[in-house]
Amino acid sequence: MAFVRTWVSVLVIGVLVLGGASPKAQAQIIGKEKKNWLLFWKKSEPLVVVYPTDSALMADSLAKPSLVVSADSVDEKDDKKKKKGKKNVYFGYRTKKAFTRQGKGKNQIIETFHYLREFKQPNEYVLEKHYYDIKRKRIFKTRNELDPSKTKLLVLHGPYTKTRGDVVIEQGYFYVGAKHLRWETFRTDSILTDKQHYNKGFLRDALVTYYDAAKTKVKEVIPYQYGEVQGEYLKFYENGQIEWQGKYDKGRKVGIWINYFDFRGRRQFEIQYPESAFDEPFEPVLVKQYDRHGQTVFQKK
């Protein structure tokens, strides 16, 4: 239909030209036909038909919020949930944060610590097991096995900070009651006085040997720092009881070394060595001896 209308317009213009119509009349007719062509082409553009049902759906979709969520937004929400869920989780265990205070004024000591939400017994071979006594509201350390049935306690786990006034004087991490990673102590003028690296209660570079292939029964812990024997030495009986305890200073035995019976951590001998590696060496001296009941049987005067 559009094709026929176009050719009729062309024939009309041709007749006017050949028939001798005046230029003015020809211009008027040609202008009207151009206008008709433009309107025709504009009307001939493809139209989008919206049926009543589609319009109703469209109105409904505009009136109600869409429940469709993009995959990216879902991933972002999941990531936020995961990040939120990891709060106060250290070394795979969930913890809570707390603090305790001692003293008043500028010398007030505040200890900020984290503790396990669920009780877990520290490694039996670690000599210093740290916990918070709920009744006494203080942090303690012990060599014995923790007994939550006798004492209401919280096992320390995670970051720890100790401040005097506004100055940090000690900081580090705990792993199930044992010192872990880097520990630092400071003077009140913030000067570093000591730094130690631990691995779940033992010095990080210590040489640890075991009685069994599964490495569950510790036999000996030889401390190493900066390439030499330095620090606390430990030796255990096969039943887990401590046998020997002492300290090395630059590869030399120093201070009091203690030998134990193989039950209840009872002492048997106390042997004296020079106080430091810089002191004059001498033969070790027995200063105390105990019987199996813990009674003193010898003491050096």
Protein backbone atom coordinates (compact mmCIF):
# COMPACT_ATOMS: atom_id res chain seq x y z
CA MET A 1 0.00 0.00 0.00
CA ALA A 2 2.79 2.39 0.88
CA PHE A 3 4.60 1.43 -2.34
CA VAL A 4 1.56 2.36 -4.53
CA ARG A 5 1.08 5.66 -2.74
CA THR A 6 4.66 6.64 -3.44
CA TRP A 7 4.41 5.95 -7.19
CA VAL A 8 1.14 7.91 -7.45
CA SER A 9 2.87 10.94 -5.98
CA VAL A 10 5.69 10.61 -8.52
CA LEU A 11 3.22 10.40 -11.46
CA VAL A 12 1.33 13.49 -10.24
CA ILE A 13 4.51 15.53 -10.13
CA GLY A 14 5.53 14.29 -13.60
CA VAL A 15 2.14 15.27 -15.10
CA LEU A 16 2.38 18.75 -13.61
CA VAL A 17 5.82 19.28 -15.10
CA LEU A 18 4.87 17.96 -18.55
CA GLY A 19 1.46 19.67 -18.52
CA GLY A 20 3.02 23.06 -18.22
CA ALA A 21 1.89 24.04 -14.72
CA SER A 22 3.38 27.22 -13.40
CA PRO A 23 6.56 26.96 -11.33
CA LYS A 24 4.74 28.32 -8.25
CA ALA A 25 1.98 25.72 -8.49
CA GLN A 26 4.56 22.99 -9.04
CA ALA A 27 6.47 24.10 -5.91
CA GLN A 28 3.33 24.06 -3.75
CA ILE A 29 2.32 20.56 -4.91
CA ILE A 30 5.85 19.18 -4.54
CA GLY A 31 6.07 20.67 -0.99
CA LYS A 32 2.83 18.96 0.03
CA GLU A 33 4.04 15.63 -1.33
CA LYS A 34 7.34 15.92 0.53
CA LYS A 35 5.41 16.55 3.72
CA ASN A 36 3.27 13.46 3.07
CA TRP A 37 6.39 11.37 2.43
CA LEU A 38 7.94 12.50 5.74
CA LEU A 39 4.76 11.71 7.65
CA PHE A 40 4.53 8.36 5.92
CA TRP A 41 8.07 7.32 6.82
CA LYS A 42 7.61 8.51 10.40
CA LYS A 43 4.39 6.49 10.75
CA SER A 44 5.97 3.49 9.14
CA GLU A 45 8.47 3.07 12.05
CA PRO A 46 7.91 -0.22 13.92
CA LEU A 47 5.52 0.12 16.85
CA VAL A 48 5.64 -1.78 20.11
CA VAL A 49 2.23 -3.10 21.00
CA VAL A 50 1.54 -3.45 24.70
CA TYR A 51 -1.34 -5.73 25.43
CA PRO A 52 -3.60 -5.11 28.42
CA THR A 53 -2.18 -8.09 30.26
CA ASP A 54 1.40 -6.85 29.74
CA SER A 55 0.50 -3.36 30.93
CA ALA A 56 -1.08 -4.81 34.06
CA LEU A 57 2.03 -6.81 34.77
CA MET A 58 4.18 -3.74 34.17
CA ALA A 59 2.10 -1.65 36.57
CA ASP A 60 2.27 -4.43 39.14
CA SER A 61 6.05 -4.71 38.84
CA LEU A 62 6.42 -0.97 39.33
CA ALA A 63 4.15 -1.00 42.37
CA LYS A 64 5.98 -3.89 44.14
CA PRO A 65 9.70 -4.13 44.89
CA SER A 66 11.59 -6.75 42.90
CA LEU A 67 12.72 -9.86 44.74
CA VAL A 68 15.34 -10.71 42.13
CA VAL A 69 18.89 -10.37 43.54
CA SER A 70 21.96 -10.38 41.37
CA ALA A 71 24.67 -12.98 41.90
CA ASP A 72 27.21 -10.25 42.71
CA SER A 73 25.09 -8.86 45.55
CA VAL A 74 24.63 -12.37 46.95
CA ASP A 75 28.39 -12.92 46.91
CA GLU A 76 28.98 -9.59 48.65
CA LYS A 77 26.49 -10.50 51.41
CA ASP A 78 28.14 -13.91 51.84
CA ASP A 79 31.56 -12.26 52.11
CA LYS A 80 30.25 -9.83 54.74
CA LYS A 81 28.74 -12.70 56.73
CA LYS A 82 32.02 -14.63 56.57
CA LYS A 83 34.02 -11.60 57.69
CA LYS A 84 31.57 -10.92 60.50
CA GLY A 85 31.69 -14.57 61.55
CA LYS A 86 35.49 -14.48 61.89
CA LYS A 87 35.44 -11.78 64.56
CA ASN A 88 37.39 -12.80 67.68
CA VAL A 89 38.50 -16.08 66.09
CA TYR A 90 42.20 -16.81 66.69
CA PHE A 91 44.11 -19.90 65.55
CA GLY A 92 40.84 -21.65 64.72
CA TYR A 93 39.12 -21.10 68.10
CA ARG A 94 36.30 -18.71 68.97
CA THR A 95 37.09 -16.30 71.80
CA LYS A 96 35.67 -13.46 73.84
CA LYS A 97 37.40 -10.28 74.91
CA ALA A 98 37.73 -9.11 78.52
CA PHE A 99 39.94 -7.05 80.82
CA THR A 100 40.98 -6.82 84.46
CA ARG A 101 42.24 -3.89 86.54
CA GLN A 102 44.60 -3.48 89.50
CA GLY A 103 45.38 -0.30 91.37
CA LYS A 104 44.29 3.27 90.70
CA GLY A 105 45.49 6.46 89.06
CA LYS A 106 48.55 6.66 86.82
CA ASN A 107 49.93 3.35 88.10
CA GLN A 108 46.74 1.42 87.39
CA ILE A 109 47.49 -1.82 85.54
CA ILE A 110 44.98 -2.98 82.93
CA GLU A 111 45.25 -6.38 81.30
CA THR A 112 43.22 -6.84 78.12
CA PHE A 113 42.92 -10.45 77.01
CA HIS A 114 40.87 -12.99 75.06
CA TYR A 115 39.67 -16.35 76.35
CA LEU A 116 38.19 -19.53 74.88
CA ARG A 117 34.41 -19.69 74.76
CA GLU A 118 34.59 -23.42 75.43
CA PHE A 119 37.05 -24.96 77.88
CA LYS A 120 40.05 -26.76 76.42
CA GLN A 121 42.85 -28.31 78.46
CA PRO A 122 46.29 -26.79 77.67
CA ASN A 123 49.17 -28.97 76.52
CA GLU A 124 50.32 -31.03 79.52
CA TYR A 125 53.98 -30.51 78.58
CA VAL A 126 53.75 -26.72 78.75
CA LEU A 127 54.93 -25.67 82.20
CA GLU A 128 53.19 -22.28 82.35
CA LYS A 129 49.45 -22.50 81.70
CA HIS A 130 47.69 -19.13 81.88
CA TYR A 131 44.07 -18.66 82.91
CA TYR A 132 41.69 -16.07 84.33
CA ASP A 133 40.18 -16.79 87.74
CA ILE A 134 36.57 -15.56 87.60
CA LYS A 135 36.12 -15.37 91.38
CA ARG A 136 39.40 -13.61 92.14
CA LYS A 137 39.24 -11.53 88.93
CA ARG A 138 42.90 -11.99 88.13
CA ILE A 139 45.14 -13.78 85.64
CA PHE A 140 47.25 -16.65 86.99
CA LYS A 141 49.67 -19.23 85.67
CA THR A 142 50.20 -22.77 86.89
CA ARG A 143 52.17 -25.90 86.06
CA ASN A 144 49.36 -28.18 87.06
CA GLU A 145 46.49 -29.43 84.97
CA LEU A 146 43.54 -27.02 84.97
CA ASP A 147 40.43 -28.22 86.77
CA PRO A 148 37.32 -26.13 85.93
CA SER A 149 35.22 -28.21 88.33
CA LYS A 150 37.18 -26.81 91.29
CA THR A 151 37.96 -23.32 90.04
CA LYS A 152 35.79 -21.19 87.78
CA LEU A 153 38.33 -20.23 85.17
CA LEU A 154 38.77 -19.04 81.59
CA VAL A 155 41.63 -20.32 79.42
CA LEU A 156 43.54 -17.47 77.78
CA HIS A 157 43.70 -17.59 73.99
CA GLY A 158 44.44 -14.79 71.51
CA PRO A 159 45.97 -11.31 71.87
CA TYR A 160 47.04 -9.98 75.26
CA THR A 161 48.09 -6.49 76.31
CA LYS A 162 49.22 -5.19 79.69
CA THR A 163 49.37 -1.44 80.30
CA ARG A 164 50.44 0.77 83.18
CA GLY A 165 48.59 4.05 82.82
CA ASP A 166 48.63 4.71 79.09
CA VAL A 167 51.89 2.82 78.43
CA VAL A 168 52.08 -0.75 77.12
CA ILE A 169 54.49 -2.76 79.28
CA GLU A 170 53.82 -6.26 77.91
CA GLN A 171 52.08 -7.72 74.87
CA GLY A 172 51.82 -11.01 73.01
CA TYR A 173 49.52 -13.91 72.12
CA PHE A 174 48.27 -17.02 73.89
CA TYR A 175 47.47 -20.39 72.37
CA VAL A 176 45.19 -22.47 74.64
CA GLY A 177 46.78 -21.05 77.78
CA ALA A 178 50.39 -21.10 76.50
CA LYS A 179 52.50 -18.21 75.23
CA HIS A 180 52.58 -18.08 71.45
CA LEU A 181 54.29 -16.03 68.71
CA ARG A 182 56.20 -12.85 69.67
CA TRP A 183 56.16 -11.54 73.24
CA GLU A 184 57.57 -8.16 74.19
CA THR A 185 58.10 -6.35 77.50
CA PHE A 186 58.73 -2.61 77.88
CA ARG A 187 59.78 -0.12 80.50
CA THR A 188 57.37 2.64 81.50
CA ASP A 189 59.22 4.93 79.06
CA SER A 190 58.31 2.47 76.23
CA ILE A 191 61.87 1.17 75.81
CA LEU A 192 61.92 -2.51 74.80
CA THR A 193 63.54 -4.66 77.50
CA ASP A 194 62.89 -8.20 76.27
CA LYS A 195 61.57 -10.03 73.21
CA GLN A 196 60.86 -13.76 72.91
CA HIS A 197 59.33 -15.89 70.16
CA TYR A 198 57.21 -18.87 71.20
CA ASN A 199 55.52 -21.77 69.48
CA LYS A 200 52.56 -22.95 71.57
CA GLY A 201 54.41 -22.68 74.86
CA PHE A 202 57.95 -23.56 73.76
CA LEU A 203 60.61 -21.24 72.39
CA ARG A 204 60.17 -20.99 68.63
CA ASP A 205 63.61 -22.31 67.70
CA ALA A 206 63.73 -25.00 70.40
CA LEU A 207 64.72 -28.53 69.43
CA VAL A 208 61.92 -30.84 70.60
CA THR A 209 62.33 -34.63 70.63
CA TYR A 210 59.65 -37.25 71.28
CA TYR A 211 59.28 -40.77 72.63
CA ASP A 212 56.85 -41.83 69.89
CA ALA A 213 56.69 -41.52 66.11
CA ALA A 214 53.34 -39.73 66.30
CA LYS A 215 55.04 -36.94 68.28
CA THR A 216 52.55 -36.90 71.12
CA LYS A 217 54.93 -37.70 74.01
CA VAL A 218 57.59 -35.04 74.47
CA LYS A 219 60.98 -36.29 75.63
CA GLU A 220 63.26 -33.25 75.65
CA VAL A 221 63.07 -29.52 74.84
CA ILE A 222 66.45 -27.92 74.10
CA PRO A 223 66.12 -24.12 73.80
CA TYR A 224 67.88 -22.34 70.94
CA GLN A 225 68.13 -18.61 70.35
CA TYR A 226 70.33 -16.88 67.80
CA GLY A 227 72.13 -20.12 66.98
CA GLU A 228 73.12 -21.12 70.52
CA VAL A 229 71.57 -22.96 73.46
CA GLN A 230 69.78 -20.25 75.39
CA GLY A 231 66.76 -20.35 77.67
CA GLU A 232 64.78 -22.93 79.64
CA TYR A 233 65.61 -26.61 79.23
CA LEU A 234 63.05 -29.36 79.91
CA LYS A 235 63.19 -33.14 80.01
CA PHE A 236 60.21 -35.44 80.65
CA TYR A 237 59.59 -39.01 81.70
CA GLU A 238 57.67 -41.17 79.25
CA ASN A 239 54.56 -40.86 81.41
CA GLY A 240 54.56 -37.10 80.84
CA GLN A 241 55.96 -36.09 84.24
CA ILE A 242 58.83 -33.61 84.20
CA GLU A 243 62.31 -35.06 84.96
CA TRP A 244 64.73 -32.12 84.63
CA GLN A 245 64.31 -28.36 84.48
CA GLY A 246 66.97 -25.69 84.23
CA LYS A 247 68.34 -22.77 82.23
CA TYR A 248 71.12 -22.27 79.70
CA ASP A 249 72.99 -19.02 79.16
CA LYS A 250 75.14 -18.91 76.04
CA GLY A 251 75.42 -22.69 76.04
CA ARG A 252 76.24 -23.03 79.76
CA LYS A 253 74.04 -24.32 82.59
CA VAL A 254 73.19 -21.53 85.02
CA GLY A 255 71.18 -21.07 88.20
CA ILE A 256 69.28 -23.84 89.99
CA TRP A 257 68.62 -27.08 88.09
CA ILE A 258 65.84 -29.30 89.45
CA ASN A 259 65.44 -33.05 89.16
CA TYR A 260 61.96 -34.54 89.82
CA PHE A 261 60.47 -37.89 90.79
CA ASP A 262 58.32 -39.50 88.11
CA PHE A 263 55.00 -38.67 89.83
CA ARG A 264 53.07 -35.60 91.02
CA GLY A 265 55.86 -33.24 89.99
CA ARG A 266 57.69 -33.80 93.25
CA ARG A 267 61.25 -32.57 93.50
CA GLN A 268 64.17 -34.87 94.22
CA PHE A 269 67.33 -32.75 93.81
CA GLU A 270 68.21 -29.06 93.48
CA ILE A 271 71.64 -28.42 92.01
CA GLN A 272 73.40 -25.04 91.90
CA TYR A 273 75.34 -23.79 88.85
CA PRO A 274 76.93 -20.35 88.27
CA GLU A 275 74.37 -17.53 88.09
CA SER A 276 75.31 -16.48 84.55
CA ALA A 277 77.62 -17.36 81.67
CA PHE A 278 79.97 -14.56 82.74
CA ASP A 279 80.54 -15.95 86.25
CA GLU A 280 83.50 -18.10 87.15
CA PRO A 281 82.65 -21.74 86.38
CA PHE A 282 82.62 -24.27 89.24
CA GLU A 283 81.52 -27.83 89.89
CA PRO A 284 77.74 -28.16 90.36
CA VAL A 285 76.70 -28.25 94.02
CA LEU A 286 73.79 -30.19 95.55
CA VAL A 287 71.87 -27.69 97.64
CA LYS A 288 68.68 -29.68 98.45
CA GLN A 289 67.38 -33.23 98.40
CA TYR A 290 63.83 -34.53 99.02
CA ASP A 291 62.29 -37.92 99.67
CA ARG A 292 59.32 -39.33 97.73
CA HIS A 293 56.91 -37.75 100.20
CA GLY A 294 58.26 -34.25 99.60
CA GLN A 295 60.18 -34.02 102.88
CA THR A 296 63.61 -32.36 102.88
CA VAL A 297 66.36 -34.90 103.63
CA PHE A 298 69.36 -32.67 102.90
CA GLN A 299 70.00 -28.93 102.71
CA LYS A 300 73.36 -27.27 102.12
CA LYS A 301 74.32 -24.77 104.77
